[in-house]
Amino acid sequence: MLFVSESAKKKIEEIIANDNKQGQFVRVTVNGGGCSGLSYKMDFDNKINPDDQEFEDKGVKLVTDLRSFLYVCNTTLDFSDGLNGKGFEFKNPNATRTCACGESFAV
């Protein structure tokens, strides 16, 4: 399962409404790279692939490919926009190490 925080839900809904992304969902992928070895990627998409895993939390549809799901299972997508806010971030219980910027991790 993938989860979305209340603040991430609000921001995703805002982006969908303001950027003409109706009918699209959030695609989460993991790629090799970054300071810690793996990095997250988040996009909006409207095409489901055969190996995709689909989840819905708080009314937000999240999709990931099967390979990426092995790294992000039980991860929560969060959003912070405060003074020290970083934007979207992944709270991944599987990560054994993350870099200072929070955009890459290791398992």
Protein backbone atom coordinates (compact mmCIF):
# COMPACT_ATOMS: atom_id res chain seq x y z
CA MET A 1 0.00 0.00 0.00
CA LEU A 2 1.02 3.61 -0.58
CA PHE A 3 -0.37 6.39 1.58
CA VAL A 4 -0.86 10.14 1.25
CA SER A 5 -0.91 12.65 4.11
CA GLU A 6 -3.70 15.19 4.45
CA SER A 7 -1.35 18.03 3.42
CA ALA A 8 -0.17 16.10 0.34
CA LYS A 9 -3.77 15.35 -0.59
CA LYS A 10 -4.66 19.06 -0.51
CA LYS A 11 -1.64 20.02 -2.62
CA ILE A 12 -2.27 17.27 -5.18
CA GLU A 13 -5.92 18.34 -5.50
CA GLU A 14 -4.77 21.95 -5.93
CA ILE A 15 -2.30 20.99 -8.68
CA ILE A 16 -4.90 18.88 -10.50
CA ALA A 17 -7.42 21.74 -10.41
CA ASN A 18 -5.00 24.55 -11.33
CA ASP A 19 -2.86 22.78 -13.92
CA ASN A 20 -5.64 21.11 -15.93
CA LYS A 21 -4.69 17.57 -14.85
CA GLN A 22 -8.23 16.21 -14.41
CA GLY A 23 -8.36 12.46 -14.86
CA GLN A 24 -4.69 12.05 -13.96
CA PHE A 25 -3.18 10.22 -11.01
CA VAL A 26 0.13 10.40 -9.14
CA ARG A 27 2.81 8.03 -10.44
CA VAL A 28 5.63 7.18 -8.03
CA THR A 29 8.79 5.53 -9.34
CA VAL A 30 12.21 4.67 -7.94
CA ASN A 31 15.31 5.07 -10.07
CA GLY A 32 18.97 4.35 -9.44
CA GLY A 33 20.98 7.44 -8.52
CA GLY A 34 21.25 10.18 -5.95
CA CYS A 35 23.59 10.42 -2.96
CA SER A 36 22.26 7.27 -1.32
CA GLY A 37 21.80 5.04 -4.36
CA LEU A 38 18.07 5.28 -5.13
CA SER A 39 15.91 8.30 -5.88
CA TYR A 40 12.18 8.98 -5.92
CA LYS A 41 10.31 10.39 -8.89
CA MET A 42 6.76 11.70 -8.77
CA ASP A 43 4.73 12.66 -11.85
CA PHE A 44 1.15 12.98 -12.98
CA ASP A 45 0.05 10.36 -15.52
CA ASN A 46 -3.11 8.96 -17.11
CA LYS A 47 -1.86 5.64 -18.51
CA ILE A 48 -1.88 2.37 -16.54
CA ASN A 49 0.79 -0.15 -17.54
CA PRO A 50 0.35 -3.95 -17.19
CA ASP A 51 2.71 -4.27 -14.18
CA ASP A 52 1.38 -1.21 -12.32
CA GLN A 53 0.19 -1.43 -8.74
CA GLU A 54 -2.77 0.89 -8.03
CA PHE A 55 -3.69 2.33 -4.64
CA GLU A 56 -6.11 4.94 -3.37
CA ASP A 57 -5.78 6.81 -0.10
CA LYS A 58 -7.92 9.76 1.01
CA GLY A 59 -9.39 9.93 -2.49
CA VAL A 60 -5.98 10.25 -4.18
CA LYS A 61 -4.98 7.59 -6.71
CA LEU A 62 -1.33 6.52 -6.47
CA VAL A 63 0.28 4.21 -9.03
CA THR A 64 3.69 2.58 -9.07
CA ASP A 65 5.34 -0.09 -11.17
CA LEU A 66 6.01 -3.44 -9.51
CA ARG A 67 9.80 -2.94 -9.25
CA SER A 68 9.40 0.46 -7.57
CA PHE A 69 6.73 -0.90 -5.24
CA LEU A 70 9.28 -3.24 -3.67
CA TYR A 71 11.13 -0.11 -2.44
CA VAL A 72 8.15 2.09 -1.51
CA CYS A 73 5.72 -0.38 0.09
CA ASN A 74 4.01 1.34 3.08
CA THR A 75 5.51 4.74 2.18
CA THR A 76 3.58 7.95 2.86
CA LEU A 77 3.72 10.87 0.45
CA ASP A 78 3.78 14.08 2.50
CA PHE A 79 3.87 17.80 1.69
CA SER A 80 5.29 20.69 3.69
CA ASP A 81 5.10 24.33 2.62
CA GLY A 82 6.14 26.12 5.80
CA LEU A 83 9.16 28.36 6.26
CA ASN A 84 11.48 25.36 6.12
CA GLY A 85 9.15 23.39 3.84
CA LYS A 86 10.63 21.07 1.27
CA GLY A 87 7.57 20.46 -0.89
CA PHE A 88 6.67 16.81 -1.44
CA GLU A 89 8.63 14.23 0.50
CA PHE A 90 8.47 10.49 0.98
CA LYS A 91 8.30 8.99 4.46
CA ASN A 92 9.63 5.54 3.71
CA PRO A 93 9.82 3.01 6.57
CA ASN A 94 11.95 0.74 4.35
CA ALA A 95 14.78 3.25 3.93
CA THR A 96 17.89 2.43 5.95
CA ARG A 97 19.65 5.63 4.91
CA THR A 98 18.58 8.92 3.32
CA CYS A 99 20.56 11.88 2.07
CA ALA A 100 20.25 15.32 3.66
CA CYS A 101 17.96 16.62 0.93
CA GLY A 102 15.59 13.65 1.35
CA GLU A 103 15.44 12.91 -2.36
CA SER A 104 17.52 9.74 -2.32
CA PHE A 105 17.62 6.70 -0.08
CA ALA A 106 18.99 3.20 0.40
CA VAL A 107 17.33 0.00 1.58
